Amino acid sequence: MSNIVAIVGRPNVGKSTLFNRMVGQRQAITDNISGVTRDRQYGTGFWNGKTFSIIDTGGFVEHSDDIFEAAIREQVDIAIEEATVIIFMTDVMTGITDLDAEIANKLRKSNKKVILTVNKVDNPERQLAANEFWALGFDSTHFLSSISGSGTGEVLDEVAENLSAEEDAPLDIPKIAVIGRPNVGKSSFINALMGEPRHIVTEIAGTTRDSIHTRYNKFGKDFLIIDTAGMRKKRMVEENLEFYSVIRTVKAIEDSDVCMLMLDATTGLESQDLSILQLALRRSKGIVIVVNKWDLIEKETNTARDFEQVIRQKMAPFTDVPILFISVYDKQRIYKAIEIALQVAENRSRKIPTSQLNDLIEAAINKQPHPSFRGHLIKIKYGTQLPVPFPAFAMFCNYPEEVKTNYRNFLENQIREAFQFTGSPIRIYFRQK
């Protein structure tokens, strides 16, 4: 079950500042000029044991108040349809505007959980002024200052209360999401795989607006394949249908076990592909890189090995990932791509016996001990695999905060070499013994 939290509201009420606090990093550009958030920002938050994707709806449309307000209305409609929880942000400095009242009216009619936040409440006078916002009719109303952070904890508490827990749902069948930029051939790939035209395929980028779930049960293979709407570069995300597709892609990534990132051989690995890849890696999904349209490449000047080397350099440090060259048009290696994705799903769910893990850790430490910290030896006593749907390990030691990143990477590489985790990110947590 995917958890999507959407932040909606007029421009310049502080949505991006709250978004940055929720994802724990300064990701959105914030300024006091109306409409600075030109993109849709999306990130991952974690609070009270709940993990969720956060969408800052931005809301910038150039030059026209009418178009501008219409775009915000459409984004609110999309948030109502797609989000699990909606944070409706207002500004105590301006009071309740007509647009605030209109957004509130839409949100009250929805069946979604809405949390009204009144921002910039940072002194007693504004605290008093903020009481007028109770007139908008929401039981869940919070006064906060997203710049100083006061009141944001209470908002996050209520967000977490209304999200579903990430359960270790029984993995009946693997779920494979086909992700990537528009028009790289995702829908054609699924049509070729299924042997029937399930998807509308045209040369117009972005034809697939929705994610579509299809079950494949043939030739001894049984899995769910998810075709997502292609994600455009953020600066190109102008029409709200594209914003809608971004939310759908984030949801599809969350719902999957393995993400098959499809590239176009004629353009290579672009920055937007890396953004999509990072979204999947942050959610600890298995990864397979599939390079489509390989039939269009002049083989004398571009070999698969050279192409693969460039991709791995751009993906570093996570390079233990399968890369396959296919042609959907010629139906070359499309079934091989599925076999590899199913192998990655198996790798991602692999459980290592504690005794074998500790034998490996002991051998690794003997081979390369951790450098001392202020004259103290850092001793890793033992490790265990955590009961989560992806490879995660807890290592118990005397100075967990002082373990260097390069040593964490060393241990990860030792685990990868000893056990088969190709295509799957590994998480290692150091804890106090």
Protein backbone atom coordinates (compact mmCIF):
# COMPACT_ATOMS: atom_id res chain seq x y z
CA MET A 1 0.00 0.00 0.00
CA SER A 2 1.64 3.25 -1.11
CA ASN A 3 1.44 6.32 1.11
CA ILE A 4 1.32 9.65 -0.75
CA VAL A 5 1.24 12.97 1.12
CA ALA A 6 0.45 16.02 -1.06
CA ILE A 7 1.05 19.61 0.08
CA VAL A 8 -1.41 21.98 -1.62
CA GLY A 9 -2.13 25.68 -1.31
CA ARG A 10 -1.58 29.06 -2.88
CA PRO A 11 1.93 30.20 -3.92
CA ASN A 12 4.24 31.71 -1.33
CA VAL A 13 2.51 30.24 1.73
CA GLY A 14 5.60 28.16 2.62
CA LYS A 15 4.87 24.77 1.02
CA SER A 16 8.46 24.23 -0.12
CA THR A 17 9.91 25.08 3.31
CA LEU A 18 7.59 22.54 4.95
CA PHE A 19 8.48 20.01 2.22
CA ASN A 20 12.20 20.47 2.98
CA ARG A 21 11.58 19.85 6.69
CA MET A 22 9.57 16.70 5.94
CA VAL A 23 12.21 15.16 3.67
CA GLY A 24 15.01 16.30 5.97
CA GLN A 25 17.05 18.13 3.36
CA ARG A 26 17.05 21.42 1.48
CA GLN A 27 15.73 20.13 -1.82
CA ALA A 28 13.23 22.76 -3.03
CA ILE A 29 14.29 26.29 -3.95
CA THR A 30 12.53 28.61 -1.51
CA ASP A 31 12.24 32.38 -1.73
CA ASN A 32 9.69 35.01 -0.79
CA ILE A 33 8.91 35.72 -4.46
CA SER A 34 5.55 34.27 -5.45
CA GLY A 35 5.84 31.20 -7.65
CA VAL A 36 9.50 30.33 -7.11
CA THR A 37 8.66 26.61 -7.02
CA ARG A 38 8.52 26.00 -10.76
CA ASP A 39 8.72 22.21 -10.44
CA ARG A 40 6.87 19.52 -8.64
CA GLN A 41 9.13 18.42 -5.84
CA TYR A 42 8.94 14.82 -4.67
CA GLY A 43 10.82 13.11 -1.86
CA THR A 44 10.58 10.49 0.85
CA GLY A 45 9.73 11.15 4.50
CA PHE A 46 9.83 8.93 7.58
CA TRP A 47 8.02 9.63 10.86
CA ASN A 48 6.83 7.45 13.75
CA GLY A 49 7.66 4.25 11.90
CA LYS A 50 5.79 5.25 8.72
CA THR A 51 7.47 5.87 5.36
CA PHE A 52 5.72 8.03 2.78
CA SER A 53 6.28 9.91 -0.48
CA ILE A 54 5.75 13.67 -0.32
CA ILE A 55 4.65 15.78 -3.29
CA ASP A 56 5.03 19.57 -3.11
CA THR A 57 2.58 20.67 -5.78
CA GLY A 58 4.37 23.92 -6.58
CA GLY A 59 1.79 25.72 -8.64
CA PHE A 60 3.72 28.08 -10.90
CA VAL A 61 2.02 29.16 -14.12
CA GLU A 62 3.46 32.15 -15.89
CA HIS A 63 1.92 35.59 -16.27
CA SER A 64 -1.79 34.89 -16.05
CA ASP A 65 -3.71 34.97 -12.78
CA ASP A 66 -6.60 33.11 -14.39
CA ILE A 67 -4.44 30.29 -15.74
CA PHE A 68 -2.45 30.33 -12.53
CA GLU A 69 -5.49 29.82 -10.31
CA ALA A 70 -6.96 27.25 -12.70
CA ALA A 71 -3.73 25.23 -12.49
CA ILE A 72 -3.87 25.26 -8.68
CA ARG A 73 -7.50 24.09 -8.78
CA GLU A 74 -6.54 21.20 -11.09
CA GLN A 75 -3.64 20.23 -8.84
CA VAL A 76 -5.98 20.13 -5.85
CA ASP A 77 -8.29 17.83 -7.85
CA ILE A 78 -5.35 15.52 -8.65
CA ALA A 79 -4.20 15.52 -5.02
CA ILE A 80 -7.74 14.62 -3.90
CA GLU A 81 -7.77 11.70 -6.32
CA GLU A 82 -4.26 10.36 -5.70
CA ALA A 83 -3.00 11.31 -2.22
CA THR A 84 -3.54 9.41 1.02
CA VAL A 85 -3.25 12.56 3.17
CA ILE A 86 -3.50 16.19 2.00
CA ILE A 87 -1.77 19.03 3.84
CA PHE A 88 -3.63 22.23 2.97
CA MET A 89 -1.31 25.17 3.67
CA THR A 90 -2.44 28.75 4.29
CA ASP A 91 -0.71 31.95 5.44
CA VAL A 92 -1.69 33.90 8.56
CA MET A 93 -0.18 37.08 7.03
CA THR A 94 -2.78 37.26 4.24
CA GLY A 95 -5.72 35.78 6.13
CA ILE A 96 -8.33 33.69 4.31
CA THR A 97 -8.35 34.59 0.60
CA ASP A 98 -11.04 33.72 -1.94
CA LEU A 99 -8.75 31.05 -3.41
CA ASP A 100 -8.18 29.54 0.06
CA ALA A 101 -11.95 29.37 0.58
CA GLU A 102 -12.42 27.73 -2.83
CA ILE A 103 -9.68 25.12 -2.17
CA ALA A 104 -11.19 24.44 1.27
CA ASN A 105 -14.60 23.88 -0.31
CA LYS A 106 -13.15 21.28 -2.73
CA LEU A 107 -11.24 19.52 0.04
CA ARG A 108 -14.23 19.37 2.43
CA LYS A 109 -16.25 17.55 -0.26
CA SER A 110 -13.54 14.91 -0.70
CA ASN A 111 -13.28 11.74 1.36
CA LYS A 112 -9.57 12.28 1.95
CA LYS A 113 -7.88 13.14 5.23
CA VAL A 114 -7.12 16.88 5.11
CA ILE A 115 -4.81 18.63 7.59
CA LEU A 116 -5.15 22.42 7.51
CA THR A 117 -1.93 24.22 8.42
CA VAL A 118 -1.70 27.93 9.07
CA ASN A 119 1.89 28.99 8.42
CA LYS A 120 4.07 31.87 9.69
CA VAL A 121 2.47 31.79 13.16
CA ASP A 122 5.56 32.77 15.16
CA ASN A 123 4.36 35.29 17.77
CA PRO A 124 1.32 35.79 20.08
CA GLU A 125 -0.35 38.37 17.80
CA ARG A 126 -0.26 35.98 14.83
CA GLN A 127 -1.43 33.15 17.09
CA LEU A 128 -4.55 35.20 17.81
CA ALA A 129 -5.02 36.15 14.14
CA ALA A 130 -4.70 32.49 13.08
CA ASN A 131 -7.91 31.58 14.91
CA GLU A 132 -9.95 32.95 11.99
CA PHE A 133 -8.86 29.88 9.97
CA TRP A 134 -11.11 27.64 12.09
CA ALA A 135 -13.87 29.16 9.94
CA LEU A 136 -12.68 26.98 7.03
CA GLY A 137 -14.26 24.05 8.87
CA PHE A 138 -11.43 21.52 9.36
CA ASP A 139 -11.13 19.61 12.62
CA SER A 140 -7.45 18.99 11.94
CA THR A 141 -6.05 22.53 12.07
CA HIS A 142 -2.48 23.30 13.12
CA PHE A 143 -0.64 26.60 13.59
CA LEU A 144 3.02 26.42 12.67
CA SER A 145 6.11 28.20 11.45
CA SER A 146 7.74 26.08 8.75
CA ILE A 147 10.89 28.27 8.80
CA SER A 148 11.60 27.80 12.54
CA GLY A 149 10.03 24.33 12.61
CA SER A 150 7.64 25.03 15.50
CA GLY A 151 4.43 23.03 15.12
CA THR A 152 5.71 20.79 12.29
CA GLY A 153 6.14 17.81 14.63
CA GLU A 154 2.44 17.85 15.50
CA VAL A 155 1.55 17.97 11.79
CA LEU A 156 3.82 14.99 11.09
CA ASP A 157 2.29 13.10 14.04
CA GLU A 158 -1.16 13.49 12.51
CA VAL A 159 0.11 12.61 9.02
CA ALA A 160 1.64 9.38 10.37
CA GLU A 161 -1.55 8.45 12.25
CA ASN A 162 -3.46 8.46 8.96
CA LEU A 163 -1.02 6.40 6.90
CA SER A 164 -1.04 2.65 6.51
CA ALA A 165 1.86 0.76 8.05
CA GLU A 166 4.25 -0.83 5.58
CA GLU A 167 3.44 -4.43 6.12
CA ASP A 168 5.50 -7.38 5.04
CA ALA A 169 2.68 -8.41 2.77
CA PRO A 170 3.02 -11.97 1.56
CA LEU A 171 4.97 -11.80 -1.68
CA ASP A 172 2.49 -13.83 -3.70
CA ILE A 173 4.11 -12.90 -7.00
CA PRO A 174 6.91 -10.46 -7.87
CA LYS A 175 5.83 -6.97 -8.91
CA ILE A 176 7.89 -5.38 -11.69
CA ALA A 177 7.44 -1.68 -12.53
CA VAL A 178 8.59 -0.54 -15.97
CA ILE A 179 9.79 3.02 -15.42
CA GLY A 180 11.58 5.66 -17.47
CA ARG A 181 11.19 8.80 -19.52
CA PRO A 182 8.29 9.16 -21.98
CA ASN A 183 8.49 7.41 -25.35
CA VAL A 184 11.35 5.00 -24.57
CA GLY A 185 9.10 2.04 -25.40
CA LYS A 186 7.63 0.94 -22.07
CA SER A 187 4.11 0.26 -23.38
CA SER A 188 5.43 -1.39 -26.57
CA PHE A 189 7.58 -3.67 -24.37
CA ILE A 190 4.53 -4.82 -22.39
CA ASN A 191 2.44 -5.26 -25.55
CA ALA A 192 5.20 -7.44 -27.05
CA LEU A 193 5.50 -9.41 -23.83
CA MET A 194 1.77 -10.03 -23.47
CA GLY A 195 1.28 -10.71 -27.17
CA GLU A 196 -1.73 -8.40 -27.29
CA PRO A 197 -2.17 -4.61 -27.47
CA ARG A 198 -3.06 -3.73 -23.89
CA HIS A 199 -1.76 -0.17 -24.20
CA ILE A 200 -2.23 2.67 -26.65
CA VAL A 201 1.14 3.17 -28.35
CA THR A 202 1.84 6.30 -30.40
CA GLU A 203 4.88 8.37 -31.29
CA ILE A 204 3.60 11.17 -29.05
CA ALA A 205 5.64 11.30 -25.85
CA GLY A 206 3.52 10.80 -22.76
CA THR A 207 0.63 8.84 -24.30
CA THR A 208 0.49 6.61 -21.23
CA ARG A 209 -0.92 8.90 -18.52
CA ASP A 210 -1.79 6.16 -16.04
CA SER A 211 0.03 3.26 -14.47
CA ILE A 212 -1.50 -0.02 -15.62
CA HIS A 213 -1.17 -3.32 -13.72
CA THR A 214 -1.09 -6.48 -15.84
CA ARG A 215 -0.68 -10.03 -14.57
CA TYR A 216 1.54 -12.34 -16.64
CA ASN A 217 1.03 -16.06 -16.11
CA LYS A 218 2.55 -18.06 -18.97
CA PHE A 219 5.42 -20.50 -19.53
CA GLY A 220 5.85 -21.14 -15.81
CA LYS A 221 6.29 -17.43 -15.03
CA ASP A 222 3.83 -15.60 -12.78
CA PHE A 223 4.30 -11.91 -11.94
CA LEU A 224 2.61 -8.51 -11.98
CA ILE A 225 3.97 -5.93 -14.40
CA ILE A 226 3.25 -2.23 -13.88
CA ASP A 227 3.53 0.20 -16.79
CA THR A 228 3.97 3.73 -15.52
CA ALA A 229 3.39 7.05 -17.16
CA GLY A 230 6.75 8.41 -18.32
CA MET A 231 8.34 11.07 -16.15
CA ARG A 232 9.43 14.18 -17.99
CA LYS A 233 12.24 16.47 -16.95
CA LYS A 234 10.92 18.61 -14.13
CA ARG A 235 11.18 21.85 -16.07
CA MET A 236 8.93 20.27 -18.70
CA VAL A 237 6.30 19.28 -16.16
CA GLU A 238 3.92 22.06 -17.08
CA GLU A 239 0.57 20.53 -17.83
CA ASN A 240 -1.23 18.97 -14.90
CA LEU A 241 -1.63 15.62 -16.65
CA GLU A 242 2.17 15.36 -16.42
CA PHE A 243 2.03 16.21 -12.71
CA TYR A 244 -0.54 13.43 -12.39
CA SER A 245 1.86 11.01 -14.10
CA VAL A 246 4.67 11.93 -11.68
CA ILE A 247 2.48 10.94 -8.71
CA ARG A 248 1.53 7.71 -10.49
CA THR A 249 5.19 6.87 -11.17
CA VAL A 250 6.11 7.46 -7.53
CA LYS A 251 3.22 5.20 -6.49
CA ALA A 252 4.21 2.49 -8.97
CA ILE A 253 7.79 2.51 -7.66
CA GLU A 254 6.47 2.17 -4.10
CA ASP A 255 4.18 -0.72 -5.03
CA SER A 256 6.87 -2.70 -6.88
CA ASP A 257 9.63 -5.12 -5.86
CA VAL A 258 11.80 -4.51 -8.91
CA CYS A 259 12.03 -1.42 -11.13
CA MET A 260 13.00 -2.02 -14.75
CA LEU A 261 14.47 1.32 -15.83
CA MET A 262 14.11 1.55 -19.59
CA LEU A 263 16.55 3.77 -21.51
CA ASP A 264 16.57 4.90 -25.12
CA ALA A 265 19.78 3.72 -26.83
CA THR A 266 19.70 6.78 -29.09
CA THR A 267 19.92 9.22 -26.15
CA GLY A 268 21.67 7.18 -23.44
CA LEU A 269 21.42 7.70 -19.67
CA GLU A 270 20.20 11.26 -19.02
CA SER A 271 19.90 13.21 -15.79
CA GLN A 272 16.16 12.49 -15.59
CA ASP A 273 16.90 8.75 -15.77
CA LEU A 274 19.25 9.18 -12.80
CA SER A 275 16.52 11.05 -10.89
CA ILE A 276 14.10 8.16 -11.48
CA LEU A 277 16.82 5.69 -10.48
CA GLN A 278 17.44 7.58 -7.23
CA LEU A 279 13.72 7.51 -6.41
CA ALA A 280 13.75 3.72 -6.75
CA LEU A 281 17.00 3.28 -4.81
CA ARG A 282 15.77 5.43 -1.92
CA ARG A 283 12.86 3.01 -1.61
CA SER A 284 15.27 0.01 -1.69
CA LYS A 285 13.79 -1.47 -4.87
CA GLY A 286 15.57 -3.97 -7.09
CA ILE A 287 16.96 -2.42 -10.28
CA VAL A 288 17.37 -3.71 -13.84
CA ILE A 289 18.59 -1.39 -16.61
CA VAL A 290 17.12 -2.16 -20.02
CA VAL A 291 18.46 -0.28 -23.06
CA ASN A 292 15.80 -0.29 -25.78
CA LYS A 293 16.07 0.58 -29.50
CA TRP A 294 19.50 -1.08 -29.69
CA ASP A 295 18.61 -2.00 -33.29
CA LEU A 296 18.94 1.70 -34.22
CA ILE A 297 22.59 1.98 -33.11
CA GLU A 298 25.53 1.67 -35.52
CA LYS A 299 27.40 -1.24 -33.97
CA GLU A 300 30.76 -0.34 -35.59
CA THR A 301 31.04 2.90 -33.62
CA ASN A 302 29.12 1.97 -30.43
CA THR A 303 29.66 -1.38 -28.78
CA ALA A 304 27.45 -2.65 -25.96
CA ARG A 305 30.51 -2.86 -23.68
CA ASP A 306 31.37 0.84 -24.19
CA PHE A 307 27.73 1.85 -23.69
CA GLU A 308 27.51 -0.25 -20.52
CA GLN A 309 30.72 1.27 -19.13
CA VAL A 310 29.33 4.80 -19.55
CA ILE A 311 26.09 3.80 -17.77
CA ARG A 312 27.97 2.25 -14.83
CA GLN A 313 30.19 5.32 -14.46
CA LYS A 314 27.11 7.57 -14.24
CA MET A 315 25.40 5.20 -11.78
CA ALA A 316 28.37 4.96 -9.36
CA PRO A 317 28.66 4.02 -6.55
CA PHE A 318 25.77 1.53 -7.06
CA THR A 319 27.03 -0.48 -10.04
CA ASP A 320 26.10 -4.08 -9.16
CA VAL A 321 23.13 -3.96 -11.47
CA PRO A 322 22.20 -5.99 -14.59
CA ILE A 323 22.27 -4.05 -17.89
CA LEU A 324 20.58 -5.59 -20.91
CA PHE A 325 20.34 -4.36 -24.51
CA ILE A 326 17.02 -5.08 -26.21
CA SER A 327 14.92 -4.17 -29.21
CA VAL A 328 11.19 -4.19 -28.54
CA TYR A 329 10.57 -3.58 -32.25
CA ASP A 330 12.46 -6.77 -33.20
CA LYS A 331 11.37 -8.58 -30.01
CA GLN A 332 15.02 -9.16 -29.14
CA ARG A 333 15.78 -10.29 -25.56
CA ILE A 334 12.47 -9.07 -24.09
CA TYR A 335 11.91 -12.41 -22.33
CA LYS A 336 15.51 -12.37 -21.13
CA ALA A 337 14.79 -8.98 -19.52
CA ILE A 338 11.93 -10.53 -17.54
CA GLU A 339 14.05 -13.50 -16.47
CA ILE A 340 16.69 -11.12 -15.13
CA ALA A 341 14.06 -8.99 -13.34
CA LEU A 342 12.66 -12.13 -11.65
CA GLN A 343 16.21 -13.12 -10.61
CA VAL A 344 16.69 -9.66 -9.06
CA ALA A 345 13.38 -10.06 -7.21
CA GLU A 346 14.70 -13.35 -5.82
CA ASN A 347 18.03 -11.72 -4.87
CA ARG A 348 16.21 -8.89 -3.09
CA SER A 349 14.23 -11.32 -0.93
CA ARG A 350 17.21 -13.57 -0.07
CA LYS A 351 17.73 -14.31 3.65
CA ILE A 352 21.23 -15.08 4.97
CA PRO A 353 21.63 -17.40 7.99
CA THR A 354 23.08 -15.47 10.94
CA SER A 355 25.96 -17.93 11.37
CA GLN A 356 27.06 -17.52 7.73
CA LEU A 357 26.77 -13.74 7.99
CA ASN A 358 28.95 -13.62 11.10
CA ASP A 359 31.56 -15.91 9.58
CA LEU A 360 31.75 -13.46 6.69
CA ILE A 361 31.96 -10.40 8.97
CA GLU A 362 34.76 -12.00 11.03
CA ALA A 363 36.74 -12.86 7.89
CA ALA A 364 36.23 -9.34 6.49
CA ILE A 365 37.40 -7.69 9.74
CA ASN A 366 40.48 -9.93 9.87
CA LYS A 367 41.26 -9.00 6.28
CA GLN A 368 40.76 -5.26 6.82
CA PRO A 369 40.15 -3.96 10.37
CA HIS A 370 38.43 -0.59 10.86
CA PRO A 371 40.87 2.29 11.61
CA SER A 372 41.02 3.18 15.31
CA PHE A 373 39.00 6.10 16.69
CA ARG A 374 40.85 8.33 19.22
CA GLY A 375 43.02 5.41 20.16
CA HIS A 376 40.06 3.03 20.57
CA LEU A 377 39.61 -0.01 18.37
CA ILE A 378 36.20 -0.13 16.67
CA LYS A 379 34.99 -3.67 17.23
CA ILE A 380 32.02 -5.11 15.35
CA LYS A 381 30.72 -7.88 17.63
CA TYR A 382 28.16 -9.52 15.38
CA GLY A 383 25.56 -8.87 12.68
CA THR A 384 22.07 -10.02 11.81
CA GLN A 385 19.71 -9.58 8.86
CA LEU A 386 16.66 -7.45 9.61
CA PRO A 387 13.12 -8.77 8.94
CA VAL A 388 12.26 -6.37 6.10
CA PRO A 389 11.42 -7.05 2.40
CA PHE A 390 14.89 -5.95 1.16
CA PRO A 391 18.48 -6.81 2.21
CA ALA A 392 19.18 -4.87 5.42
CA PHE A 393 21.67 -5.77 8.13
CA ALA A 394 22.29 -4.54 11.68
CA MET A 395 25.93 -4.59 12.85
CA PHE A 396 26.47 -4.24 16.59
CA CYS A 397 29.64 -2.44 17.64
CA ASN A 398 31.15 -0.26 20.37
CA TYR A 399 31.28 3.07 18.44
CA PRO A 400 28.50 2.90 15.82
CA GLU A 401 28.56 6.65 15.08
CA GLU A 402 32.25 6.52 14.14
CA VAL A 403 32.10 3.83 11.46
CA LYS A 404 33.35 5.42 8.23
CA THR A 405 31.31 5.38 5.04
CA ASN A 406 34.12 3.70 3.10
CA TYR A 407 34.20 0.88 5.67
CA ARG A 408 30.43 0.46 5.37
CA ASN A 409 30.95 0.20 1.58
CA PHE A 410 33.73 -2.36 2.14
CA LEU A 411 31.41 -4.56 4.23
CA GLU A 412 28.63 -4.18 1.65
CA ASN A 413 30.99 -5.32 -1.11
CA GLN A 414 32.06 -8.33 0.98
CA ILE A 415 28.39 -9.30 1.47
CA ARG A 416 27.73 -8.84 -2.27
CA GLU A 417 30.69 -11.04 -3.21
CA ALA A 418 29.74 -13.81 -0.79
CA PHE A 419 25.99 -13.86 -1.46
CA GLN A 420 23.99 -13.08 -4.61
CA PHE A 421 22.47 -9.59 -4.26
CA THR A 422 22.96 -8.29 -7.82
CA GLY A 423 20.42 -5.60 -8.66
CA SER A 424 19.37 -4.96 -5.07
CA PRO A 425 20.49 -2.11 -2.81
CA ILE A 426 21.84 -3.23 0.59
CA ARG A 427 21.29 -1.25 3.78
CA ILE A 428 23.75 -1.61 6.70
CA TYR A 429 22.94 -0.04 10.08
CA PHE A 430 25.49 0.18 12.90
CA ARG A 431 24.07 -0.05 16.40
CA GLN A 432 25.41 0.14 19.91
CA LYS A 433 26.21 -3.26 21.41
